[in-house]
N, C-alpha and C. Protein backbone atom coordinates (compact mmCIF):
# COMPACT_ATOMS: atom_id res chain seq x y z
N MET A 1 -79.47 47.98 138.76
CA MET A 1 -80.17 47.25 137.71
C MET A 1 -79.03 46.14 137.14
N THR A 2 -79.47 44.92 137.07
CA THR A 2 -79.09 43.70 136.40
C THR A 2 -78.49 43.70 135.20
N ASN A 3 -77.88 43.41 134.37
CA ASN A 3 -77.74 43.37 132.70
C ASN A 3 -78.50 42.71 132.21
N GLU A 4 -78.77 41.77 132.60
CA GLU A 4 -80.45 40.87 132.37
C GLU A 4 -81.40 41.69 132.34
N ILE A 5 -81.97 42.63 133.20
CA ILE A 5 -82.97 43.47 133.10
C ILE A 5 -82.65 44.62 131.98
N LEU A 6 -81.59 44.85 131.88
CA LEU A 6 -81.20 45.49 130.54
C LEU A 6 -81.14 45.51 129.26
N ASN A 7 -80.96 43.83 129.42
CA ASN A 7 -80.89 43.46 128.25
C ASN A 7 -82.32 43.03 127.31
N LEU A 8 -83.16 43.14 128.55
CA LEU A 8 -84.69 42.64 128.30
C LEU A 8 -85.56 44.40 127.47
N TRP A 9 -84.81 45.36 128.38
CA TRP A 9 -85.42 46.52 128.58
C TRP A 9 -84.22 47.36 128.27
N PRO A 10 -83.45 47.87 127.13
CA PRO A 10 -82.69 49.05 126.88
C PRO A 10 -83.25 49.63 126.79
N GLU A 11 -84.93 50.11 126.80
CA GLU A 11 -85.68 51.29 126.95
C GLU A 11 -85.67 51.77 128.31
N LEU A 12 -85.11 51.06 129.28
CA LEU A 12 -85.26 51.48 130.92
C LEU A 12 -84.64 52.87 130.68
N MET A 13 -83.40 52.84 130.10
CA MET A 13 -82.44 54.14 129.81
C MET A 13 -83.00 55.23 129.46
N TRP A 14 -84.35 55.05 128.43
CA TRP A 14 -84.95 56.66 128.50
C TRP A 14 -85.66 56.74 129.36
N ILE A 15 -85.76 56.86 130.86
CA ILE A 15 -86.64 57.20 131.99
C ILE A 15 -85.38 57.86 132.48
N GLU A 16 -85.10 59.38 132.84
CA GLU A 16 -84.54 60.41 132.99
C GLU A 16 -84.43 60.21 134.31
N ASP A 17 -85.41 59.90 135.36
CA ASP A 17 -84.98 59.51 136.76
C ASP A 17 -84.78 58.90 136.69
N PRO A 18 -83.20 58.75 137.60
CA PRO A 18 -82.95 57.39 137.71
C PRO A 18 -83.04 56.84 139.22
N ILE A 19 -83.76 57.56 139.70
CA ILE A 19 -84.65 56.67 140.82
C ILE A 19 -85.63 55.92 140.54
N LEU A 20 -86.82 56.36 139.50
CA LEU A 20 -88.06 55.61 139.00
C LEU A 20 -87.20 54.75 138.34
N ARG A 21 -86.03 55.01 137.10
CA ARG A 21 -85.71 53.78 136.67
C ARG A 21 -85.03 52.27 137.30
N GLU A 22 -84.90 52.92 138.37
CA GLU A 22 -84.38 51.61 139.13
C GLU A 22 -85.14 51.01 139.61
N LYS A 23 -86.18 51.85 140.07
CA LYS A 23 -87.93 51.12 140.63
C LYS A 23 -88.31 50.30 139.46
N VAL A 24 -88.48 50.78 138.81
CA VAL A 24 -89.34 50.24 137.51
C VAL A 24 -88.16 48.72 136.99
N ALA A 25 -86.75 48.70 136.98
CA ALA A 25 -85.94 47.69 136.79
C ALA A 25 -86.07 46.60 137.81
N GLN A 26 -86.49 47.31 139.17
CA GLN A 26 -86.27 46.42 140.53
C GLN A 26 -87.75 45.19 140.30
N THR A 27 -88.74 45.91 139.89
CA THR A 27 -90.09 45.32 139.48
C THR A 27 -89.81 44.09 138.26
N TRP A 28 -89.03 44.33 137.42
CA TRP A 28 -88.77 43.09 136.71
C TRP A 28 -88.13 42.23 137.66
N GLU A 29 -87.16 42.50 137.89
CA GLU A 29 -86.15 41.53 138.58
C GLU A 29 -87.21 40.79 139.84
N LEU A 30 -88.10 41.38 140.26
CA LEU A 30 -89.10 40.65 141.35
C LEU A 30 -89.87 39.62 140.85
N ALA A 31 -90.68 40.38 139.73
CA ALA A 31 -91.52 39.25 138.96
C ALA A 31 -90.61 38.29 138.21
N LEU A 32 -89.55 38.47 137.58
CA LEU A 32 -88.61 36.96 137.23
C LEU A 32 -88.54 36.22 138.25
N GLU A 33 -88.31 36.81 139.69
CA GLU A 33 -87.78 36.20 140.96
C GLU A 33 -88.93 35.28 140.91
N ARG A 34 -90.33 35.64 141.04
CA ARG A 34 -91.60 35.03 141.53
C ARG A 34 -92.01 33.86 140.56
N SER A 35 -91.79 34.27 139.35
CA SER A 35 -92.08 33.43 137.74
C SER A 35 -91.33 32.09 137.21
N VAL A 36 -92.42 31.27 136.82
CA VAL A 36 -91.67 30.56 136.14
C VAL A 36 -90.98 30.73 134.90
N LEU A 37 -90.87 31.78 134.34
CA LEU A 37 -90.64 32.09 133.09
C LEU A 37 -89.60 33.10 133.36
N SER A 38 -88.49 32.64 132.48
CA SER A 38 -87.14 33.01 131.93
C SER A 38 -87.25 34.31 130.86
N PRO A 39 -86.03 35.12 131.18
CA PRO A 39 -85.64 36.37 130.03
C PRO A 39 -85.79 35.08 128.60
N ASP A 40 -85.10 34.44 128.62
CA ASP A 40 -85.38 33.45 127.29
C ASP A 40 -86.73 33.34 127.32
N ASP A 41 -87.96 33.04 127.95
CA ASP A 41 -89.04 32.36 127.43
C ASP A 41 -89.62 33.88 126.96
N LEU A 42 -89.33 34.77 127.62
CA LEU A 42 -90.13 36.41 127.33
C LEU A 42 -89.84 36.33 125.91
N ASN A 43 -88.81 36.05 125.04
CA ASN A 43 -88.53 36.46 123.94
C ASN A 43 -89.08 35.48 123.01
N LYS A 44 -89.87 34.12 123.75
CA LYS A 44 -90.03 33.01 122.61
C LYS A 44 -91.97 32.75 122.81
N ILE A 45 -92.56 33.27 123.83
CA ILE A 45 -93.56 33.06 124.29
C ILE A 45 -94.52 33.99 123.47
N PRO A 46 -96.11 33.63 123.00
CA PRO A 46 -96.41 34.14 121.82
C PRO A 46 -96.81 35.79 123.15
N PHE A 47 -97.46 36.72 123.19
CA PHE A 47 -97.64 37.88 123.31
C PHE A 47 -98.76 37.86 124.28
N THR A 48 -99.87 37.17 123.68
CA THR A 48 -101.72 36.79 124.01
C THR A 48 -101.41 35.47 124.05
N LEU A 49 -102.52 35.04 125.48
CA LEU A 49 -103.12 33.86 125.20
C LEU A 49 -104.26 33.46 124.24
N LEU A 50 -104.21 34.77 123.90
CA LEU A 50 -105.58 34.30 123.11
C LEU A 50 -105.33 34.17 121.57
N ALA A 51 -103.91 34.00 121.04
CA ALA A 51 -103.53 34.14 120.23
C ALA A 51 -103.82 32.38 119.41
N GLY A 52 -103.78 32.58 118.44
CA GLY A 52 -103.94 30.52 117.82
C GLY A 52 -102.55 30.71 117.65
N PRO A 53 -102.33 29.22 116.89
CA PRO A 53 -101.06 28.73 117.20
C PRO A 53 -100.04 29.44 116.11
N ASP A 54 -100.76 30.14 114.86
CA ASP A 54 -99.61 30.52 114.18
C ASP A 54 -98.96 32.09 114.70
N LEU A 55 -99.42 32.53 115.52
CA LEU A 55 -98.91 33.70 115.98
C LEU A 55 -97.42 33.63 116.48
N LYS A 56 -96.68 34.34 115.57
CA LYS A 56 -95.03 34.42 115.98
C LYS A 56 -94.47 35.53 116.89
N VAL A 57 -94.94 36.53 117.11
CA VAL A 57 -94.77 37.73 117.94
C VAL A 57 -94.85 37.35 119.21
N SER A 58 -93.16 37.89 120.02
CA SER A 58 -93.25 37.25 120.97
C SER A 58 -93.88 38.18 122.30
N PHE A 59 -93.80 37.79 123.14
CA PHE A 59 -94.15 38.45 124.45
C PHE A 59 -93.55 40.06 124.17
N MET A 60 -91.90 39.55 124.27
CA MET A 60 -90.99 41.15 124.51
C MET A 60 -91.38 41.87 123.15
N ALA A 61 -91.58 41.09 121.72
CA ALA A 61 -91.32 42.12 120.67
C ALA A 61 -92.63 43.07 120.73
N HIS A 62 -93.91 42.27 121.12
CA HIS A 62 -94.87 42.98 121.37
C HIS A 62 -95.03 44.08 122.58
N LYS A 63 -94.28 44.10 123.63
CA LYS A 63 -94.14 45.30 124.33
C LYS A 63 -93.02 45.97 124.44
N ARG A 64 -92.14 45.68 123.96
CA ARG A 64 -91.12 46.95 123.61
C ARG A 64 -91.78 47.54 122.06
N CYS A 65 -92.85 46.83 121.37
CA CYS A 65 -93.34 47.94 120.65
C CYS A 65 -94.05 49.18 121.10
N VAL A 66 -95.07 48.54 122.05
CA VAL A 66 -95.81 49.31 123.03
C VAL A 66 -95.01 50.27 123.45
N VAL A 67 -93.95 50.08 124.07
CA VAL A 67 -93.15 51.46 124.74
C VAL A 67 -92.74 52.34 123.70
N HIS A 68 -92.29 51.97 122.48
CA HIS A 68 -91.78 52.71 121.40
C HIS A 68 -93.07 53.50 121.12
N ILE A 69 -93.95 52.92 120.63
CA ILE A 69 -95.12 54.01 120.24
C ILE A 69 -95.94 54.81 121.11
N ALA A 70 -95.64 54.10 122.44
CA ALA A 70 -96.30 55.03 123.75
C ALA A 70 -95.29 56.34 123.39
N ARG A 71 -93.83 55.97 123.34
CA ARG A 71 -92.82 57.28 123.45
C ARG A 71 -93.13 58.14 122.43
N GLU A 72 -93.35 58.15 121.48
CA GLU A 72 -93.52 58.90 119.88
C GLU A 72 -94.69 59.19 120.25
N ALA A 73 -95.78 58.50 120.68
CA ALA A 73 -96.67 59.99 121.16
C ALA A 73 -96.75 60.58 121.75
N GLY A 74 -96.08 60.19 123.03
CA GLY A 74 -96.40 61.42 123.84
C GLY A 74 -94.99 62.15 123.54
N LEU A 75 -93.79 61.98 122.80
CA LEU A 75 -93.36 63.17 122.30
C LEU A 75 -94.04 63.92 121.28
N LYS A 76 -94.74 63.63 120.36
CA LYS A 76 -95.64 64.47 119.47
C LYS A 76 -96.66 64.98 120.19
N MET A 77 -97.14 64.17 121.21
CA MET A 77 -98.57 65.03 122.01
C MET A 77 -97.59 66.61 122.80
N ASN A 78 -95.94 66.36 123.29
CA ASN A 78 -95.85 67.53 123.97
C ASN A 78 -95.41 68.25 123.13
N GLU A 79 -95.12 68.02 121.88
CA GLU A 79 -94.44 69.18 120.44
C GLU A 79 -95.73 69.68 120.00
N PHE A 80 -97.01 69.60 120.06
CA PHE A 80 -98.06 69.82 119.62
C PHE A 80 -98.76 70.44 120.63
N PHE A 81 -99.03 69.88 121.73
CA PHE A 81 -100.09 70.54 122.30
C PHE A 81 -99.22 70.84 123.67
N LYS A 82 -98.15 71.26 123.97
CA LYS A 82 -97.13 71.61 125.05
C LYS A 82 -97.80 71.73 126.25
N GLU A 83 -98.14 72.81 126.70
CA GLU A 83 -98.96 73.09 128.45
C GLU A 83 -100.09 72.47 128.41
N ASP A 84 -100.53 72.49 127.25
CA ASP A 84 -102.72 72.32 126.93
C ASP A 84 -102.46 71.16 127.50
N LEU A 85 -101.73 69.87 127.40
CA LEU A 85 -102.18 68.77 127.31
C LEU A 85 -100.53 68.07 127.41
N PRO A 86 -99.51 68.04 128.43
CA PRO A 86 -98.49 67.81 128.99
C PRO A 86 -98.32 66.22 129.27
N VAL A 87 -97.60 65.69 128.48
CA VAL A 87 -97.42 64.08 129.10
C VAL A 87 -95.82 63.84 129.56
N ASP A 88 -96.21 63.38 130.81
CA ASP A 88 -95.38 63.21 131.82
C ASP A 88 -93.92 61.79 131.29
N MET A 89 -93.31 62.14 130.19
CA MET A 89 -92.50 60.84 129.53
C MET A 89 -92.06 59.85 130.56
N ASP A 90 -91.41 60.28 131.67
CA ASP A 90 -90.86 59.35 132.69
C ASP A 90 -91.66 58.49 132.92
N VAL A 91 -93.24 58.94 133.22
CA VAL A 91 -94.14 58.00 134.21
C VAL A 91 -94.70 57.73 132.71
N LEU A 92 -95.21 58.02 131.76
CA LEU A 92 -95.33 57.48 130.54
C LEU A 92 -94.67 56.00 129.94
N ILE A 93 -93.50 56.06 129.48
CA ILE A 93 -92.29 55.06 129.93
C ILE A 93 -92.62 54.31 130.69
N ALA A 94 -92.14 54.49 131.80
CA ALA A 94 -92.27 53.76 132.98
C ALA A 94 -93.50 52.49 133.25
N GLY A 95 -94.93 53.59 132.88
CA GLY A 95 -95.95 52.54 132.97
C GLY A 95 -95.97 51.73 131.52
N ALA A 96 -95.58 52.47 130.53
CA ALA A 96 -95.49 51.15 129.25
C ALA A 96 -94.57 50.05 128.89
N ILE A 97 -93.52 50.25 130.09
CA ILE A 97 -92.29 48.91 130.51
C ILE A 97 -93.16 48.04 131.18
N LEU A 98 -94.09 48.49 132.48
CA LEU A 98 -94.58 47.76 133.29
C LEU A 98 -95.93 47.40 133.12
N ALA A 99 -96.49 48.05 132.30
CA ALA A 99 -97.98 47.37 131.87
C ALA A 99 -98.41 45.75 132.02
N ASP A 100 -97.49 45.17 131.51
CA ASP A 100 -97.99 43.44 131.21
C ASP A 100 -97.02 42.86 132.47
N VAL A 101 -95.69 43.34 133.34
CA VAL A 101 -95.24 42.55 133.78
C VAL A 101 -95.66 41.75 134.88
N GLY A 102 -97.30 42.07 135.06
CA GLY A 102 -98.04 40.74 136.29
C GLY A 102 -98.74 39.84 135.45
N LYS A 103 -97.81 39.73 133.87
CA LYS A 103 -97.96 38.75 133.15
C LYS A 103 -96.83 37.54 133.80
N LEU A 104 -96.02 37.74 134.22
CA LEU A 104 -94.96 36.82 134.38
C LEU A 104 -95.62 35.68 135.95
N LEU A 105 -96.56 36.76 136.39
CA LEU A 105 -97.23 35.99 137.69
C LEU A 105 -98.24 35.17 136.30
N GLU A 106 -99.26 35.46 135.64
CA GLU A 106 -100.11 35.49 135.45
C GLU A 106 -100.29 34.03 134.53
N TYR A 107 -99.10 34.03 133.89
CA TYR A 107 -98.62 32.74 132.79
C TYR A 107 -97.87 31.57 133.48
N VAL A 108 -97.86 30.42 133.17
CA VAL A 108 -97.63 29.18 133.41
C VAL A 108 -97.16 28.83 132.31
N LEU A 109 -95.84 27.15 132.18
CA LEU A 109 -95.60 26.96 131.20
C LEU A 109 -96.34 25.19 131.46
N ASP A 110 -97.09 25.29 130.12
CA ASP A 110 -97.90 23.58 130.48
C ASP A 110 -96.53 22.40 129.98
N PRO A 111 -96.86 21.17 130.47
CA PRO A 111 -95.74 20.27 130.31
C PRO A 111 -95.23 20.35 128.95
N ALA A 112 -95.86 20.96 127.92
CA ALA A 112 -95.32 20.86 126.38
C ALA A 112 -94.72 22.26 126.29
N GLY A 113 -94.81 23.31 126.92
CA GLY A 113 -93.58 24.41 127.28
C GLY A 113 -94.31 25.44 126.63
N LYS A 114 -95.69 25.14 126.42
CA LYS A 114 -96.56 26.50 126.10
C LYS A 114 -97.26 27.31 127.00
N SER A 115 -97.43 28.44 126.68
CA SER A 115 -97.72 29.26 128.12
C SER A 115 -99.38 29.41 128.15
N VAL A 116 -99.63 29.13 129.32
CA VAL A 116 -101.12 28.96 129.91
C VAL A 116 -101.21 30.11 131.07
N GLN A 117 -102.75 30.08 131.32
CA GLN A 117 -102.64 30.88 132.31
C GLN A 117 -103.00 30.08 134.01
N GLY A 118 -102.16 30.36 134.45
CA GLY A 118 -101.83 29.50 135.68
C GLY A 118 -102.99 29.56 136.59
N LYS A 119 -102.97 28.99 138.13
CA LYS A 119 -104.23 29.22 138.94
C LYS A 119 -104.12 30.85 139.52
N TYR A 120 -102.97 31.08 139.90
CA TYR A 120 -103.14 32.31 140.08
C TYR A 120 -103.31 33.31 139.12
N GLY A 121 -103.18 33.82 137.99
CA GLY A 121 -103.53 34.29 136.74
C GLY A 121 -105.44 34.15 136.94
N LYS A 122 -105.72 33.06 137.14
CA LYS A 122 -107.14 32.87 136.88
C LYS A 122 -108.16 34.02 138.26
N TYR A 123 -107.07 34.19 139.40
CA TYR A 123 -107.87 34.67 140.44
C TYR A 123 -107.13 36.44 140.28
N LEU A 124 -106.25 36.35 139.66
CA LEU A 124 -105.83 37.84 139.61
C LEU A 124 -105.05 38.12 138.23
N ARG A 125 -106.05 38.94 137.49
CA ARG A 125 -105.25 39.11 136.30
C ARG A 125 -104.01 40.41 136.27
N HIS A 126 -103.28 40.43 135.21
CA HIS A 126 -102.01 41.10 134.95
C HIS A 126 -102.05 42.51 135.70
N PRO A 127 -103.25 43.13 135.47
CA PRO A 127 -102.95 44.51 135.61
C PRO A 127 -103.07 44.41 137.45
N PHE A 128 -103.51 43.44 137.91
CA PHE A 128 -104.04 43.55 139.52
C PHE A 128 -102.36 42.79 140.32
N SER A 129 -102.16 41.97 139.64
CA SER A 129 -100.33 41.44 140.13
C SER A 129 -99.23 42.51 139.98
N GLY A 130 -99.51 42.87 138.44
CA GLY A 130 -98.34 43.72 138.08
C GLY A 130 -98.47 45.42 139.25
N VAL A 131 -99.37 45.91 139.60
CA VAL A 131 -99.61 47.04 140.33
C VAL A 131 -99.05 46.78 141.76
N SER A 132 -99.53 45.44 142.46
CA SER A 132 -98.79 44.69 143.17
C SER A 132 -97.28 44.38 143.40
N LEU A 133 -96.98 44.12 142.10
CA LEU A 133 -95.11 44.10 141.88
C LEU A 133 -94.49 45.09 142.28
N ALA A 134 -95.13 46.17 141.45
CA ALA A 134 -94.58 47.60 141.34
C ALA A 134 -94.73 48.33 142.76
N GLU A 135 -95.55 48.19 143.57
CA GLU A 135 -96.00 49.22 145.12
C GLU A 135 -95.03 48.03 145.74
N GLN A 136 -94.52 47.15 145.44
CA GLN A 136 -93.69 46.39 146.53
C GLN A 136 -92.29 46.91 146.18
N CYS A 137 -92.26 47.73 145.32
CA CYS A 137 -90.53 48.57 144.68
C CYS A 137 -90.71 49.54 145.40
N GLY A 138 -91.93 50.49 144.97
CA GLY A 138 -91.84 51.83 145.36
C GLY A 138 -92.24 52.25 144.38
N VAL A 139 -92.75 51.81 143.38
CA VAL A 139 -93.03 52.62 142.19
C VAL A 139 -94.03 53.70 142.42
N PRO A 140 -94.19 54.72 142.02
CA PRO A 140 -94.95 55.63 142.66
C PRO A 140 -96.76 55.52 141.78
N ALA A 141 -97.38 56.28 142.13
CA ALA A 141 -99.09 55.86 141.80
C ALA A 141 -99.25 55.90 140.83
N PRO A 142 -98.50 57.33 139.86
CA PRO A 142 -99.21 57.63 138.61
C PRO A 142 -98.80 56.87 137.54
N VAL A 143 -97.45 55.73 138.23
CA VAL A 143 -97.25 54.84 137.31
C VAL A 143 -97.65 53.69 137.40
N CYS A 144 -98.24 53.18 138.66
CA CYS A 144 -99.18 52.11 139.01
C CYS A 144 -100.59 52.18 138.45
N HIS A 145 -101.02 53.44 138.30
CA HIS A 145 -102.04 53.89 137.81
C HIS A 145 -102.29 53.26 136.64
N ILE A 146 -101.17 53.57 135.68
CA ILE A 146 -100.92 52.89 134.06
C ILE A 146 -101.02 51.37 133.94
N ILE A 147 -100.38 50.75 134.88
CA ILE A 147 -100.44 49.48 135.14
C ILE A 147 -101.86 48.69 135.09
N SER A 148 -102.96 49.69 136.21
CA SER A 148 -103.98 49.23 136.33
C SER A 148 -104.90 49.20 135.58
N ALA A 149 -104.66 50.42 134.39
CA ALA A 149 -105.73 51.11 133.54
C ALA A 149 -105.47 50.66 132.10
N HIS A 150 -104.23 49.89 132.03
CA HIS A 150 -103.76 49.79 130.16
C HIS A 150 -105.06 48.67 129.88
N ALA A 151 -105.28 47.67 130.45
CA ALA A 151 -106.45 46.91 129.90
C ALA A 151 -107.57 47.11 130.17
N GLY A 152 -108.53 46.08 129.65
CA GLY A 152 -110.32 46.52 130.31
C GLY A 152 -110.79 46.77 131.16
N GLU A 153 -109.67 46.49 132.75
CA GLU A 153 -109.93 47.04 134.08
C GLU A 153 -110.10 48.60 133.79
N GLY A 154 -109.30 48.77 132.83
CA GLY A 154 -109.02 50.62 132.89
C GLY A 154 -110.59 51.23 132.57
N ASP A 155 -111.56 50.52 131.57
CA ASP A 155 -112.16 51.42 131.32
C ASP A 155 -113.24 51.61 132.31
N MET A 156 -113.24 51.03 133.41
CA MET A 156 -114.01 51.48 135.10
C MET A 156 -113.77 52.70 135.42
N ILE A 157 -112.66 53.63 134.83
CA ILE A 157 -112.12 54.38 135.69
C ILE A 157 -111.70 55.72 134.85
N LYS A 158 -111.26 56.92 135.52
CA LYS A 158 -110.88 57.54 134.70
C LYS A 158 -109.27 57.78 134.56
N ARG A 159 -109.00 57.56 133.10
CA ARG A 159 -107.15 57.46 132.97
C ARG A 159 -106.78 58.83 132.62
N THR A 160 -105.53 58.69 133.41
CA THR A 160 -104.57 60.06 132.88
C THR A 160 -104.40 59.85 131.70
N VAL A 161 -103.63 61.12 131.21
CA VAL A 161 -103.17 61.02 129.81
C VAL A 161 -102.13 60.09 129.49
N GLU A 162 -101.28 60.18 130.12
CA GLU A 162 -100.14 59.24 130.07
C GLU A 162 -100.74 57.56 129.79
N ALA A 163 -101.76 57.10 130.76
CA ALA A 163 -102.44 55.87 130.66
C ALA A 163 -103.24 55.66 129.08
N TYR A 164 -104.21 56.68 129.11
CA TYR A 164 -104.79 56.71 127.65
C TYR A 164 -103.59 56.09 126.50
N ILE A 165 -102.43 56.99 126.29
CA ILE A 165 -101.77 56.89 125.58
C ILE A 165 -101.05 55.11 125.29
N VAL A 166 -100.70 54.72 126.70
CA VAL A 166 -100.27 53.35 126.94
C VAL A 166 -101.55 52.40 126.43
N HIS A 167 -102.83 52.54 127.13
CA HIS A 167 -103.78 51.61 127.07
C HIS A 167 -103.91 51.62 125.10
N HIS A 168 -104.17 52.59 124.62
CA HIS A 168 -104.00 52.98 123.03
C HIS A 168 -102.84 52.02 122.29
N SER A 169 -101.67 52.60 122.85
CA SER A 169 -100.37 51.99 121.98
C SER A 169 -100.87 50.28 122.52
N ASP A 170 -100.85 49.77 123.49
CA ASP A 170 -101.25 48.90 123.85
C ASP A 170 -101.98 47.95 122.84
N PHE A 171 -103.40 48.54 122.76
CA PHE A 171 -104.58 47.31 122.13
C PHE A 171 -104.58 47.97 120.15
N MET A 172 -104.10 48.88 120.34
CA MET A 172 -103.37 49.39 118.50
C MET A 172 -102.33 48.23 118.08
N THR A 173 -101.81 47.60 118.82
CA THR A 173 -100.77 46.39 118.29
C THR A 173 -101.13 45.19 119.24
N PHE A 174 -102.39 45.02 119.32
CA PHE A 174 -103.12 43.69 119.60
C PHE A 174 -104.29 43.74 119.02
N GLU A 175 -105.37 44.06 119.11
CA GLU A 175 -106.81 43.92 118.08
C GLU A 175 -106.53 43.43 116.74
N PRO A 176 -105.51 44.32 116.06
CA PRO A 176 -105.38 43.64 114.95
C PRO A 176 -105.04 42.01 114.62
N PHE A 177 -104.37 41.68 115.73
CA PHE A 177 -104.01 40.27 115.95
C PHE A 177 -105.46 39.65 115.90
N ARG A 178 -105.77 40.00 116.91
CA ARG A 178 -107.26 39.02 117.58
C ARG A 178 -108.23 39.36 116.48
N GLU A 179 -108.17 40.55 115.85
CA GLU A 179 -108.91 40.46 114.10
C GLU A 179 -108.82 39.36 113.13
N ARG A 180 -107.42 39.03 113.15
CA ARG A 180 -107.26 37.80 112.15
C ARG A 180 -107.70 36.59 112.52
N LEU A 181 -107.53 36.49 113.91
CA LEU A 181 -108.60 35.07 114.51
C LEU A 181 -109.82 34.78 114.17
N LYS A 182 -110.66 35.85 113.73
CA LYS A 182 -111.94 35.92 113.68
C LYS A 182 -112.64 34.88 112.39
């Protein structure tokens, strides 16, 4: 795992399985290799293309918030529901960290430096490109399921408990911003 990735994602250290942790980090490394975006860009660009010019929340601020909310929700569910609805915390955290990794292939920068959907992104939205990147790095199916199911595309399938948590953590930190645009 490079320092660059660990600086972006200190939450990687929450993944207890060192093999899974490394595969998640490798997925981000691969995405950055193939992307026009740099780690610095990820801390500057807005987290969604649907936002107006007033949105100041960066891609990384949103993504890290989702990971923190998902982790806390998983911990509380394990505390209160125990074996009745167990949450695999490594799968949950890995999936939350990787949910939007495909946006690094979906987004490009226009001549003014604004992030926009690129040609590739018009064909394959980030849940699909994210799964492709993750599978190339050997990320297991339960984590890839979270990547594929976290957005609207996931409404067509049965989500795991971990995928529900990431989906709702993502949307609860997105929908209020979208509502402000109306």
